[in-house]
Amino acid sequence: CNYFKALAEQGSEIVYEAKMLILGDAGAGKTTLARKVGDPDADLPDAVTHSTPGIMVSSLLLKEMSPAFTIHIWDFGGQEVYHATHQFFLTKKSLYVLLCDGRKEEQFDYWLQMQEIYGQDSRLLMVVNQKGDMQPNLPMSDLRRDYPNVSEGKPTVINLATDRSGAVALRQHIERSIRNLPQFERGERVPKKWVAIRRQLERIKADHIPVSEFRKICAKEGIAERKRQNFLLDFLHDLGVFLYFKDVAGLNKMVILQPQWATAAVYNVLDHTKKKGDNGHFTRADLNEVWNCAEYEDYFEDLLRLMERFELCYEAPERKGLFIVPSLLPDESPNGYAWEEPNGLQIQYQYTFMPKDIMARLIVRQHGLLESPPVMWKRGAVFSDNGARIEAMESYRDKCISLRSNGNGRNAKELMTAISREIDALNRSFHFNERMKVAQKIPCNCPVCKDLPIPHYFLRSNLDKADRANQPVQCQESFQMISVRVLLDGVFANEVGAKPLPIDQDTIVEWLELGELQKALEALRSEFPEVSIQLSNLKDAEKAYSQKRIEFEELSGIKARLKFAVLELLGSKQ
């Protein structure tokens, strides 16, 4: 690959660095911890004016031991409105610090499960910010039993406001923990020219630079081939030091040297929208108010694309210039709303761990299918098409998403198929593991279950096994044997469950050759989670071209990259 080819050609340098991510509920003291790690004598942040706007990123050189290394500190805001985007920045081979202050309502399970899913082999430290005379009482034995990454017998307890010696000891503990990460046993080997380019970027005192300037720096260091420059951009983005959104029209023209420039802009809009109290709605007038400064004035459209890339908002089809943040919709369904349709199709998704904002992201992805006028709230929405209606509801308490339709005809099946495919794609994006799973459940349609308010449900995974073995399954209410094909065809259109892809790969390749990229992406969306984002990127690019914000050459380049991505996906399927 490009990385090993560069190592062979250039030689390498050993780089010692790591990423530390601070997680925890709002008000736990994460920003204070980030400051005290850097300077035990640092002033305390003001609880109001210094509330973390989503994510704050800083770097710190630790040189008390040898070799010296750099730690990149990511301070994650604890407000629930920020949770939807955290997944884009939680990485493997990192040190996680879960900060708590002993409050009973703290979300230990949520943060530990998020860390396990995204951090995987990362190390985890639990730290208690002791406030006043409060004595922490964490169920460490239970946490160690339930979460493999909780390895210490007791948490580090410190009063971040007053305990200077404790802050020094915590910093030393953090340094030792990072030095025990796998990559520090040998150091991270990086091609020499990459190191030189990166050092030049670090010396630039700007929030971002044009990608053309980055390419000039690469060319001066002997990396003139655009393909290799792009690979280095991807490497730096994944490392979390810089950000480059290659498939987001507008943002693909810049390299973001200070990640908080972009993240703060996004989260400030969310904060403003939440405080405004207009049911998650904001307008361009709101953007003028929030981004009314020189650093953002030329980048309104680009930053809006970033918010859409994070699946935080969408532009209301019925009113141009009005944007909706589904995670800020009212908690309760609209006044007077009730589902009064006859029994139709049903599907359930049962989670052992349920990430937040699945429903909000579903609404963003499928806002074109929302009923008109929209019927939606934070935990639910009604979708409609060709007379079919589907209610989707999320119960975080029950860790469940339920879908039900107003009938069982072909239109209802097609709409059910579209919505369930999108939920399947969202679920795959969360990287569930063996301990934290999601199960799709299909209701039995035998004569007994058809008349029951709560029929027997079959696990989809069991149905797929029975289907491969060409065996029926038994209902646990009527004890009748039911055909798997009858069950799946009773819910989905076109036997969606039976095929690994909705159509054969040769047809998709033919569509690509004919220039029908959108058609190919839509066909692949149920199988590959990233395709929904690629489809959104294509629509964004075509919209930007129609509004004359990008040239035809740039649109063609975006389509070419997306076409190549589709071909790579098809290759991975073989």
Protein backbone atom coordinates (compact mmCIF):
# COMPACT_ATOMS: atom_id res chain seq x y z
CA CYS A 1 0.00 0.00 0.00
CA ASN A 2 1.01 3.68 -0.15
CA TYR A 3 2.15 3.71 3.47
CA PHE A 4 4.61 0.82 3.18
CA LYS A 5 5.79 2.01 -0.22
CA ALA A 6 6.59 5.41 1.30
CA LEU A 7 8.47 3.76 4.19
CA ALA A 8 10.58 1.75 1.74
CA GLU A 9 11.38 4.74 -0.44
CA GLN A 10 11.93 7.43 2.20
CA GLY A 11 13.04 5.63 5.33
CA SER A 12 11.22 6.41 8.55
CA GLU A 13 11.22 8.43 11.74
CA ILE A 14 9.77 7.26 15.01
CA VAL A 15 7.03 9.55 16.28
CA TYR A 16 5.81 9.27 19.85
CA GLU A 17 2.33 10.66 20.24
CA ALA A 18 -1.13 9.61 21.34
CA LYS A 19 -4.67 10.82 21.60
CA MET A 20 -6.37 11.24 24.98
CA LEU A 21 -10.14 11.54 25.01
CA ILE A 22 -11.95 12.90 28.06
CA LEU A 23 -15.54 11.67 28.38
CA GLY A 24 -18.23 12.30 30.96
CA ASP A 25 -21.49 14.06 31.71
CA ALA A 26 -21.93 17.81 31.51
CA GLY A 27 -20.61 19.55 34.62
CA ALA A 28 -18.25 16.76 35.69
CA GLY A 29 -15.17 18.97 35.22
CA LYS A 30 -13.71 17.71 31.93
CA THR A 31 -12.39 21.11 30.85
CA THR A 32 -10.78 21.58 34.27
CA LEU A 33 -9.11 18.18 33.92
CA ALA A 34 -7.79 19.08 30.47
CA ARG A 35 -6.30 22.29 31.87
CA LYS A 36 -4.81 20.68 34.98
CA VAL A 37 -3.09 17.96 32.95
CA GLY A 38 -1.30 20.70 31.06
CA ASP A 39 -0.64 22.95 34.06
CA PRO A 40 -1.45 21.94 37.66
CA ASP A 41 -1.63 25.67 38.51
CA ALA A 42 -4.06 26.53 35.71
CA ASP A 43 -7.06 28.69 36.58
CA LEU A 44 -10.42 26.99 36.83
CA PRO A 45 -12.76 27.59 33.87
CA ASP A 46 -15.95 29.50 34.50
CA ALA A 47 -18.81 27.01 34.66
CA VAL A 48 -20.97 29.12 32.32
CA THR A 49 -18.68 30.93 29.91
CA HIS A 50 -16.27 28.01 29.47
CA SER A 51 -18.74 25.20 28.91
CA THR A 52 -17.17 23.01 26.23
CA PRO A 53 -18.76 23.79 22.82
CA GLY A 54 -18.87 20.21 21.59
CA ILE A 55 -15.18 19.33 21.39
CA MET A 56 -12.04 21.21 22.35
CA VAL A 57 -8.64 20.00 21.12
CA SER A 58 -5.24 20.87 22.54
CA SER A 59 -1.76 19.37 22.39
CA LEU A 60 0.77 18.91 25.17
CA LEU A 61 4.43 17.81 25.10
CA LEU A 62 5.28 15.46 27.96
CA LYS A 63 9.03 15.16 28.55
CA GLU A 64 9.44 14.18 32.19
CA MET A 65 10.39 10.67 31.00
CA SER A 66 12.25 9.50 27.91
CA PRO A 67 11.41 9.56 25.09
CA ALA A 68 9.33 12.74 25.11
CA PHE A 69 5.97 12.51 23.39
CA THR A 70 3.01 14.63 22.38
CA ILE A 71 -0.46 14.02 23.71
CA HIS A 72 -3.47 15.35 21.79
CA ILE A 73 -6.21 16.06 24.33
CA TRP A 74 -9.81 15.88 23.09
CA ASP A 75 -12.26 17.33 25.61
CA PHE A 76 -15.77 16.15 24.69
CA GLY A 77 -18.78 18.22 25.71
CA GLY A 78 -21.22 16.23 27.84
CA GLN A 79 -24.48 17.85 26.71
CA GLU A 80 -26.70 15.30 24.98
CA VAL A 81 -27.03 17.45 21.86
CA TYR A 82 -23.32 16.80 21.18
CA HIS A 83 -23.45 13.01 21.45
CA ALA A 84 -24.47 12.40 17.84
CA THR A 85 -21.12 13.61 16.51
CA HIS A 86 -18.79 12.12 19.12
CA GLN A 87 -18.65 8.85 17.19
CA PHE A 88 -16.80 10.60 14.35
CA PHE A 89 -13.83 11.29 16.65
CA LEU A 90 -13.66 8.31 19.03
CA THR A 91 -10.66 6.28 17.93
CA LYS A 92 -8.73 3.09 18.64
CA LYS A 93 -5.23 2.91 20.19
CA SER A 94 -6.01 5.89 22.43
CA LEU A 95 -6.24 6.66 26.14
CA TYR A 96 -9.75 7.34 27.41
CA VAL A 97 -10.44 9.13 30.67
CA LEU A 98 -13.97 8.82 32.03
CA LEU A 99 -14.51 11.66 34.49
CA CYS A 100 -17.35 11.58 37.00
CA ASP A 101 -18.22 13.31 40.25
CA GLY A 102 -20.29 10.62 41.95
CA ARG A 103 -23.76 11.88 41.07
CA LYS A 104 -26.34 9.11 41.07
CA GLU A 105 -27.72 10.09 37.69
CA GLU A 106 -24.39 9.87 35.88
CA GLN A 107 -24.39 7.77 32.73
CA PHE A 108 -21.58 5.32 33.52
CA ASP A 109 -22.99 2.63 31.25
CA TYR A 110 -23.46 4.95 28.29
CA TRP A 111 -19.90 6.29 28.28
CA LEU A 112 -18.32 2.89 29.02
CA GLN A 113 -20.27 1.27 26.22
CA MET A 114 -19.38 4.05 23.79
CA GLN A 115 -15.71 3.67 24.73
CA GLU A 116 -15.80 -0.10 24.28
CA ILE A 117 -17.47 0.06 20.87
CA TYR A 118 -15.24 2.77 19.41
CA GLY A 119 -12.08 2.54 21.53
CA GLN A 120 -11.82 -1.26 21.32
CA ASP A 121 -8.21 -1.95 22.37
CA SER A 122 -7.74 1.45 24.02
CA ARG A 123 -6.87 1.91 27.68
CA LEU A 124 -9.43 3.42 30.06
CA LEU A 125 -8.91 5.39 33.28
CA MET A 126 -11.75 6.26 35.63
CA VAL A 127 -11.30 9.53 37.52
CA VAL A 128 -13.59 10.99 40.17
CA ASN A 129 -13.65 14.76 40.60
CA GLN A 130 -14.38 14.98 44.32
CA LYS A 131 -16.39 18.10 45.10
CA GLY A 132 -16.49 19.27 48.71
CA ASP A 133 -16.79 16.55 51.33
CA MET A 134 -18.65 14.18 49.03
CA GLN A 135 -17.33 10.63 49.20
CA PRO A 136 -17.42 8.82 45.85
CA ASN A 137 -19.12 5.47 45.82
CA LEU A 138 -18.63 3.88 42.42
CA PRO A 139 -19.67 0.23 41.88
CA MET A 140 -16.19 -0.71 40.67
CA SER A 141 -16.60 -4.46 41.07
CA ASP A 142 -19.73 -4.36 38.89
CA LEU A 143 -18.08 -2.08 36.34
CA ARG A 144 -15.01 -4.32 36.11
CA ARG A 145 -17.26 -7.35 35.64
CA ASP A 146 -19.35 -5.73 32.91
CA TYR A 147 -16.67 -3.76 31.03
CA PRO A 148 -13.34 -5.40 30.13
CA ASN A 149 -11.59 -2.05 29.66
CA VAL A 150 -12.14 -1.11 33.31
CA SER A 151 -8.97 -2.76 34.63
CA GLU A 152 -8.15 -0.80 37.78
CA GLY A 153 -9.49 -1.88 41.14
CA LYS A 154 -10.43 1.64 42.17
CA PRO A 155 -10.72 5.01 40.43
CA THR A 156 -8.38 7.94 40.82
CA VAL A 157 -10.04 10.38 43.24
CA ILE A 158 -9.02 14.03 43.10
CA ASN A 159 -10.47 17.45 43.86
CA LEU A 160 -9.51 19.20 40.64
CA ALA A 161 -10.26 22.60 42.13
CA THR A 162 -7.91 22.40 45.13
CA ASP A 163 -5.60 19.36 44.97
CA ARG A 164 -2.43 20.48 43.16
CA SER A 165 -0.35 17.46 44.22
CA GLY A 166 -3.19 15.21 43.08
CA ALA A 167 -3.17 16.94 39.67
CA VAL A 168 0.57 16.29 39.35
CA ALA A 169 0.09 12.63 40.32
CA LEU A 170 -2.79 12.28 37.85
CA ARG A 171 -0.65 13.68 35.05
CA GLN A 172 2.06 11.13 35.87
CA HIS A 173 -0.55 8.36 35.93
CA ILE A 174 -1.82 9.47 32.52
CA GLU A 175 1.73 9.52 31.14
CA ARG A 176 2.45 6.01 32.40
CA SER A 177 -0.84 4.78 30.95
CA ILE A 178 -0.06 6.22 27.54
CA ARG A 179 3.42 4.71 27.57
CA ASN A 180 1.75 1.33 28.10
CA LEU A 181 -0.29 1.65 24.91
CA PRO A 182 0.78 -0.89 22.26
CA GLN A 183 2.20 1.68 19.85
CA PHE A 184 4.64 3.02 22.47
CA GLU A 185 6.46 -0.30 22.73
CA ARG A 186 8.01 0.40 19.36
CA GLY A 187 6.96 3.96 18.50
CA GLU A 188 4.90 4.93 15.49
CA ARG A 189 7.03 4.69 12.36
CA VAL A 190 6.18 7.38 9.81
CA PRO A 191 7.81 8.09 6.42
CA LYS A 192 10.39 10.87 6.80
CA LYS A 193 8.81 13.22 4.27
CA TRP A 194 5.46 12.90 6.05
CA VAL A 195 7.09 14.06 9.27
CA ALA A 196 8.68 17.05 7.52
CA ILE A 197 5.37 18.05 5.92
CA ARG A 198 3.50 17.69 9.18
CA ARG A 199 6.02 19.86 11.06
CA GLN A 200 5.58 22.58 8.46
CA LEU A 201 1.80 22.44 8.89
CA GLU A 202 2.14 22.66 12.67
CA ARG A 203 4.14 25.88 12.33
CA ILE A 204 1.43 27.62 10.31
CA LYS A 205 -0.54 30.04 12.49
CA ALA A 206 -3.90 29.71 10.81
CA ASP A 207 -7.14 27.82 11.38
CA HIS A 208 -7.06 26.37 7.88
CA ILE A 209 -5.21 26.59 4.59
CA PRO A 210 -6.28 25.98 0.99
CA VAL A 211 -5.65 22.40 -0.08
CA SER A 212 -3.59 23.89 -2.93
CA GLU A 213 -1.11 25.23 -0.34
CA PHE A 214 -0.88 21.77 1.22
CA ARG A 215 -0.08 20.32 -2.20
CA LYS A 216 2.67 22.91 -2.73
CA ILE A 217 4.26 21.93 0.60
CA CYS A 218 4.11 18.27 -0.43
CA ALA A 219 5.66 19.00 -3.83
CA LYS A 220 8.56 20.91 -2.23
CA GLU A 221 9.23 17.87 -0.02
CA GLY A 222 9.27 15.57 -3.02
CA ILE A 223 5.72 14.20 -2.94
CA ALA A 224 4.32 15.54 -6.18
CA GLU A 225 1.90 12.74 -7.07
CA ARG A 226 -1.63 13.81 -6.17
CA LYS A 227 -2.65 10.27 -5.21
CA ARG A 228 0.09 10.13 -2.57
CA GLN A 229 -0.81 13.61 -1.34
CA ASN A 230 -4.40 12.45 -0.89
CA PHE A 231 -3.26 9.38 1.05
CA LEU A 232 -1.27 11.62 3.42
CA LEU A 233 -4.33 13.83 3.87
CA ASP A 234 -6.37 10.77 4.87
CA PHE A 235 -3.64 9.68 7.29
CA LEU A 236 -3.50 13.07 9.01
CA HIS A 237 -7.30 13.22 9.22
CA ASP A 238 -7.51 9.77 10.81
CA LEU A 239 -4.79 10.72 13.29
CA GLY A 240 -7.03 13.55 14.51
CA VAL A 241 -4.38 16.26 14.30
CA PHE A 242 -5.87 17.94 11.22
CA LEU A 243 -9.20 17.53 9.48
CA TYR A 244 -9.86 17.08 5.77
CA PHE A 245 -13.33 16.28 4.45
CA LYS A 246 -12.58 15.09 0.95
CA ASP A 247 -16.18 14.31 0.00
CA VAL A 248 -17.83 17.47 1.38
CA ALA A 249 -18.21 20.11 -1.34
CA GLY A 250 -16.48 23.31 -0.23
CA LEU A 251 -14.65 21.78 2.73
CA ASN A 252 -12.64 19.63 0.33
CA LYS A 253 -10.90 22.82 -0.75
CA MET A 254 -9.26 23.33 2.64
CA VAL A 255 -7.15 21.53 5.22
CA ILE A 256 -8.36 22.40 8.72
CA LEU A 257 -5.28 22.84 10.90
CA GLN A 258 -7.23 23.65 14.07
CA PRO A 259 -10.06 21.10 14.47
CA GLN A 260 -11.89 23.28 16.98
CA TRP A 261 -12.34 25.95 14.28
CA ALA A 262 -14.83 23.63 12.57
CA THR A 263 -16.25 21.83 15.59
CA ALA A 264 -16.85 25.05 17.55
CA ALA A 265 -18.70 26.57 14.60
CA VAL A 266 -21.01 23.56 14.39
CA TYR A 267 -21.66 23.24 18.10
CA ASN A 268 -22.23 26.98 18.57
CA VAL A 269 -25.14 26.69 16.14
CA LEU A 270 -26.53 23.78 18.17
CA ASP A 271 -26.17 25.74 21.41
CA HIS A 272 -27.86 28.78 19.89
CA THR A 273 -30.70 26.67 18.49
CA LYS A 274 -31.25 24.93 21.82
CA LYS A 275 -31.33 28.21 23.77
CA LYS A 276 -33.61 29.77 21.18
CA GLY A 277 -36.24 27.16 22.06
CA ASP A 278 -37.85 26.98 18.62
CA ASN A 279 -38.26 23.21 18.47
CA GLY A 280 -34.89 22.61 16.85
CA HIS A 281 -35.37 25.13 14.02
CA PHE A 282 -32.78 27.66 12.87
CA THR A 283 -32.58 29.98 9.87
CA ARG A 284 -29.89 31.79 7.93
CA ALA A 285 -30.57 34.79 10.14
CA ASP A 286 -29.50 32.66 13.10
CA LEU A 287 -26.32 31.70 11.24
CA ASN A 288 -25.61 35.39 10.64
CA GLU A 289 -25.89 35.94 14.38
CA VAL A 290 -23.80 32.93 15.44
CA TRP A 291 -21.12 33.12 12.75
CA ASN A 292 -20.90 36.93 12.69
CA CYS A 293 -17.10 37.09 12.80
CA ALA A 294 -14.30 37.30 10.27
CA GLU A 295 -13.14 33.71 10.73
CA TYR A 296 -16.47 32.28 9.48
CA GLU A 297 -17.95 34.93 7.18
CA ASP A 298 -16.77 33.27 3.96
CA TYR A 299 -17.61 29.70 4.97
CA PHE A 300 -21.34 29.60 5.73
CA GLU A 301 -22.18 27.08 3.01
CA ASP A 302 -19.16 24.91 3.77
CA LEU A 303 -19.98 24.69 7.48
CA LEU A 304 -23.61 23.93 6.71
CA ARG A 305 -22.40 21.01 4.59
CA LEU A 306 -20.36 19.83 7.57
CA MET A 307 -23.45 19.87 9.80
CA GLU A 308 -25.30 17.83 7.19
CA ARG A 309 -22.27 15.49 6.89
CA PHE A 310 -22.56 14.88 10.65
CA GLU A 311 -26.29 14.20 10.11
CA LEU A 312 -27.22 16.94 12.56
CA CYS A 313 -29.70 18.88 10.43
CA TYR A 314 -31.46 19.16 7.10
CA GLU A 315 -33.06 21.95 5.11
CA ALA A 316 -36.85 21.85 5.29
CA PRO A 317 -38.22 21.07 1.80
CA GLU A 318 -41.30 23.18 2.43
CA ARG A 319 -39.34 26.33 3.32
CA LYS A 320 -35.99 27.29 1.83
CA GLY A 321 -33.54 28.64 4.39
CA LEU A 322 -35.15 26.84 7.34
CA PHE A 323 -33.05 24.10 8.92
CA ILE A 324 -34.20 21.46 11.41
CA VAL A 325 -32.10 19.71 14.09
CA PRO A 326 -34.07 16.54 14.93
CA SER A 327 -32.16 15.92 18.18
CA LEU A 328 -33.58 19.24 19.45
CA LEU A 329 -37.20 18.47 18.58
CA PRO A 330 -39.71 18.28 21.48
CA ASP A 331 -39.49 15.18 23.65
CA GLU A 332 -43.21 14.47 23.32
CA SER A 333 -45.27 13.76 20.21
CA PRO A 334 -47.34 16.67 18.82
CA ASN A 335 -50.54 17.61 20.65
CA GLY A 336 -53.43 15.51 19.46
CA TYR A 337 -51.27 12.97 17.69
CA ALA A 338 -52.34 9.35 17.97
CA TRP A 339 -51.69 6.35 15.75
CA GLU A 340 -55.17 5.18 14.85
CA GLU A 341 -54.37 3.06 11.82
CA PRO A 342 -55.45 -0.60 11.58
CA ASN A 343 -52.93 -3.32 12.32
CA GLY A 344 -50.38 -3.60 9.56
CA LEU A 345 -46.73 -4.54 9.20
CA GLN A 346 -44.42 -4.45 12.21
CA ILE A 347 -40.69 -4.66 12.83
CA GLN A 348 -38.71 -4.18 16.02
CA TYR A 349 -35.03 -3.52 16.70
CA GLN A 350 -33.89 -4.62 20.16
CA TYR A 351 -30.57 -3.32 21.47
CA THR A 352 -28.41 -4.42 24.37
CA PHE A 353 -26.72 -1.01 24.08
CA MET A 354 -28.56 1.73 22.27
CA PRO A 355 -26.52 4.68 20.99
CA LYS A 356 -28.28 8.01 21.20
CA ASP A 357 -29.79 9.89 18.29
CA ILE A 358 -30.53 6.94 16.01
CA MET A 359 -34.00 8.38 15.42
CA ALA A 360 -32.61 11.87 14.83
CA ARG A 361 -30.19 10.57 12.22
CA LEU A 362 -32.93 8.46 10.60
CA ILE A 363 -35.04 11.62 10.23
CA VAL A 364 -32.13 13.48 8.62
CA ARG A 365 -31.44 10.64 6.19
CA GLN A 366 -35.08 10.06 5.24
CA HIS A 367 -36.55 13.55 5.64
CA GLY A 368 -37.75 13.34 2.04
CA LEU A 369 -40.20 10.63 3.15
CA LEU A 370 -41.59 12.52 6.15
CA GLU A 371 -45.35 12.97 6.12
CA SER A 372 -46.47 16.42 4.97
CA PRO A 373 -46.90 18.44 7.10
CA PRO A 374 -44.19 16.70 9.12
CA VAL A 375 -45.24 14.66 12.15
CA MET A 376 -42.09 14.15 14.18
CA TRP A 377 -40.60 14.56 17.62
CA LYS A 378 -37.30 13.68 19.28
CA ARG A 379 -38.11 9.98 19.59
CA GLY A 380 -40.45 9.40 16.68
CA ALA A 381 -41.67 10.31 13.22
CA VAL A 382 -44.26 9.33 10.61
CA PHE A 383 -43.06 8.57 7.09
CA SER A 384 -45.37 8.27 4.09
CA ASP A 385 -45.24 7.40 0.41
CA ASN A 386 -47.91 6.42 -2.13
CA GLY A 387 -50.61 6.25 0.54
CA ALA A 388 -48.53 4.07 2.89
CA ARG A 389 -47.70 5.39 6.35
CA ILE A 390 -45.13 4.13 8.84
CA GLU A 391 -44.65 5.24 12.41
CA ALA A 392 -41.11 4.87 13.74
CA MET A 393 -40.65 5.20 17.49
CA GLU A 394 -37.54 4.99 19.64
CA SER A 395 -37.69 3.97 23.30
CA TYR A 396 -34.35 4.64 24.95
CA ARG A 397 -35.61 3.17 28.21
CA ASP A 398 -36.58 -0.12 26.53
CA LYS A 399 -33.61 0.05 24.11
CA CYS A 400 -35.94 -0.55 21.21
CA ILE A 401 -37.07 0.95 17.90
CA SER A 402 -40.51 -0.07 16.65
CA LEU A 403 -41.92 0.32 13.15
CA ARG A 404 -45.57 -0.17 12.23
CA SER A 405 -47.51 0.54 9.05
CA ASN A 406 -51.10 1.39 8.17
CA GLY A 407 -51.57 -1.70 6.04
CA ASN A 408 -49.84 -4.69 4.53
CA GLY A 409 -50.06 -3.99 0.80
CA ARG A 410 -47.19 -3.56 -1.60
CA ASN A 411 -46.76 0.18 -0.94
CA ALA A 412 -46.54 -0.45 2.80
CA LYS A 413 -43.96 -3.18 2.24
CA GLU A 414 -41.86 -0.93 0.01
CA LEU A 415 -41.91 1.88 2.55
CA MET A 416 -41.14 -0.55 5.39
CA THR A 417 -38.23 -1.89 3.33
CA ALA A 418 -36.83 1.60 2.76
CA ILE A 419 -37.02 2.64 6.42
CA SER A 420 -35.69 -0.65 7.77
CA ARG A 421 -32.77 -0.60 5.32
CA GLU A 422 -31.81 2.83 6.62
CA ILE A 423 -31.94 1.65 10.22
CA ASP A 424 -29.84 -1.38 9.26
CA ALA A 425 -27.25 0.95 7.71
CA LEU A 426 -27.22 3.14 10.82
CA ASN A 427 -26.77 0.11 13.04
CA ARG A 428 -23.78 -1.09 11.03
CA SER A 429 -22.11 2.29 11.47
CA PHE A 430 -21.95 1.74 15.24
CA HIS A 431 -19.59 -1.28 15.09
CA PHE A 432 -21.50 -3.43 17.57
CA ASN A 433 -19.51 -6.24 19.15
CA GLU A 434 -20.31 -9.64 20.64
CA ARG A 435 -21.44 -8.19 23.97
CA MET A 436 -23.37 -5.22 22.64
CA LYS A 437 -25.71 -6.23 19.86
CA VAL A 438 -28.81 -5.24 17.99
CA ALA A 439 -31.41 -7.77 16.83
CA GLN A 440 -34.06 -7.21 14.18
CA LYS A 441 -37.29 -8.95 15.15
CA ILE A 442 -39.99 -10.01 12.67
CA PRO A 443 -43.56 -10.72 13.89
CA CYS A 444 -45.22 -14.03 13.24
CA ASN A 445 -48.15 -13.83 10.77
CA CYS A 446 -49.83 -17.12 11.60
CA PRO A 447 -53.65 -17.04 12.09
CA VAL A 448 -53.28 -16.82 15.88
CA CYS A 449 -50.67 -14.03 15.93
CA LYS A 450 -52.53 -11.92 13.37
CA ASP A 451 -55.22 -11.23 15.99
CA LEU A 452 -52.85 -10.62 18.90
CA PRO A 453 -51.85 -7.08 19.93
CA ILE A 454 -48.36 -8.44 20.68
CA PRO A 455 -47.57 -11.38 18.36
CA HIS A 456 -44.67 -13.75 18.72
CA TYR A 457 -41.46 -12.24 17.29
CA PHE A 458 -38.72 -14.16 15.52
CA LEU A 459 -35.11 -13.03 15.62
CA ARG A 460 -34.07 -12.12 12.10
CA SER A 461 -30.74 -13.89 12.58
CA ASN A 462 -32.58 -17.14 13.34
CA LEU A 463 -34.81 -16.68 10.30
CA ASP A 464 -31.77 -16.23 8.08
CA LYS A 465 -30.24 -19.45 9.45
CA ALA A 466 -33.46 -21.36 8.88
CA ASP A 467 -33.74 -19.90 5.38
CA ARG A 468 -30.24 -21.08 4.49
CA ALA A 469 -31.11 -24.54 5.82
CA ASN A 470 -34.43 -24.46 3.92
CA GLN A 471 -36.30 -25.19 7.16
CA PRO A 472 -39.50 -23.67 8.61
CA VAL A 473 -39.67 -22.09 12.08
CA GLN A 474 -42.16 -22.68 14.88
CA CYS A 475 -44.40 -19.98 16.35
CA GLN A 476 -44.33 -20.02 20.17
CA GLU A 477 -47.97 -18.87 20.40
CA SER A 478 -49.72 -21.28 18.00
CA PHE A 479 -46.85 -23.79 17.72
CA GLN A 480 -47.49 -23.93 14.00
CA MET A 481 -44.59 -24.33 11.58
CA ILE A 482 -44.19 -21.22 9.43
CA SER A 483 -42.26 -20.76 6.19
CA VAL A 484 -39.41 -18.24 6.51
CA ARG A 485 -40.17 -16.93 3.03
CA VAL A 486 -43.78 -16.30 4.05
CA LEU A 487 -42.61 -14.36 7.11
CA LEU A 488 -40.09 -12.18 5.25
CA ASP A 489 -42.33 -11.64 2.21
CA GLY A 490 -45.08 -10.61 4.62
CA VAL A 491 -43.02 -7.60 5.73
CA PHE A 492 -40.52 -6.72 3.01
CA ALA A 493 -40.86 -5.92 -0.66
CA ASN A 494 -38.95 -7.99 -3.23
CA GLU A 495 -37.75 -10.57 -0.71
CA VAL A 496 -35.22 -8.08 0.66
CA GLY A 497 -34.01 -10.46 3.31
CA ALA A 498 -33.00 -13.25 0.98
CA LYS A 499 -30.31 -11.53 -1.07
CA PRO A 500 -26.89 -10.26 -0.01
CA LEU A 501 -27.35 -7.40 -2.48
CA PRO A 502 -30.68 -6.09 -3.81
CA ILE A 503 -29.37 -6.62 -7.37
CA ASP A 504 -26.39 -8.35 -8.94
CA GLN A 505 -23.02 -6.62 -9.10
CA ASP A 506 -22.80 -6.71 -12.90
CA THR A 507 -25.91 -4.54 -13.08
CA ILE A 508 -24.41 -2.02 -10.66
CA VAL A 509 -21.20 -1.86 -12.69
CA GLU A 510 -23.27 -1.36 -15.84
CA TRP A 511 -25.10 1.54 -14.19
CA LEU A 512 -21.77 3.10 -13.23
CA GLU A 513 -20.56 2.84 -16.82
CA LEU A 514 -23.77 4.53 -17.99
CA GLY A 515 -23.24 7.38 -15.51
CA GLU A 516 -26.18 6.37 -13.29
CA LEU A 517 -24.22 6.81 -10.06
CA GLN A 518 -27.19 7.75 -7.87
CA LYS A 519 -29.10 4.66 -8.98
CA ALA A 520 -26.12 2.45 -8.07
CA LEU A 521 -25.72 4.08 -4.65
CA GLU A 522 -29.39 3.66 -3.81
CA ALA A 523 -29.21 -0.02 -4.74
CA LEU A 524 -26.21 -0.58 -2.43
CA ARG A 525 -27.50 1.44 0.51
CA SER A 526 -28.98 -1.50 2.42
CA GLU A 527 -25.73 -3.49 2.31
CA PHE A 528 -23.08 -0.88 3.10
CA PRO A 529 -23.57 1.76 5.84
CA GLU A 530 -21.26 4.34 4.26
CA VAL A 531 -23.29 4.47 1.05
CA SER A 532 -25.96 6.66 2.67
CA ILE A 533 -23.30 9.27 3.35
CA GLN A 534 -21.92 8.94 -0.18
CA LEU A 535 -25.41 9.38 -1.60
CA SER A 536 -25.83 12.52 0.52
CA ASN A 537 -22.44 13.79 -0.69
CA LEU A 538 -23.52 13.26 -4.32
CA LYS A 539 -26.74 15.20 -3.78
CA ASP A 540 -24.81 17.98 -2.00
CA ALA A 541 -22.36 18.23 -4.88
CA GLU A 542 -25.10 18.35 -7.52
CA LYS A 543 -26.93 20.99 -5.49
CA ALA A 544 -23.73 23.03 -5.19
CA TYR A 545 -23.20 22.78 -8.95
CA SER A 546 -26.78 23.84 -9.71
CA GLN A 547 -26.27 26.86 -7.43
CA LYS A 548 -22.97 27.64 -9.22
CA ARG A 549 -20.95 27.21 -6.02
CA ILE A 550 -18.66 24.64 -7.69
CA GLU A 551 -17.50 24.16 -11.26
CA PHE A 552 -18.34 21.20 -13.49
CA GLU A 553 -14.75 19.94 -13.18
CA GLU A 554 -15.10 19.69 -9.39
CA LEU A 555 -18.48 17.96 -9.69
CA SER A 556 -16.94 15.45 -12.09
CA GLY A 557 -14.08 14.84 -9.67
CA ILE A 558 -16.48 14.14 -6.79
CA LYS A 559 -18.47 11.74 -8.94
CA ALA A 560 -15.29 9.97 -10.02
CA ARG A 561 -14.23 9.47 -6.38
CA LEU A 562 -17.67 8.17 -5.45
CA LYS A 563 -17.67 5.80 -8.43
CA PHE A 564 -14.27 4.48 -7.36
CA ALA A 565 -15.58 4.02 -3.79
CA VAL A 566 -18.50 1.96 -5.12
CA LEU A 567 -16.15 -0.26 -7.11
CA GLU A 568 -14.02 -0.78 -3.98
CA LEU A 569 -17.11 -1.80 -2.02
CA LEU A 570 -18.06 -4.31 -4.68
CA GLY A 571 -14.53 -5.69 -4.62
CA SER A 572 -14.70 -6.16 -0.84
CA LYS A 573 -17.89 -8.18 -1.27
CA GLN A 574 -16.17 -10.81 -3.38
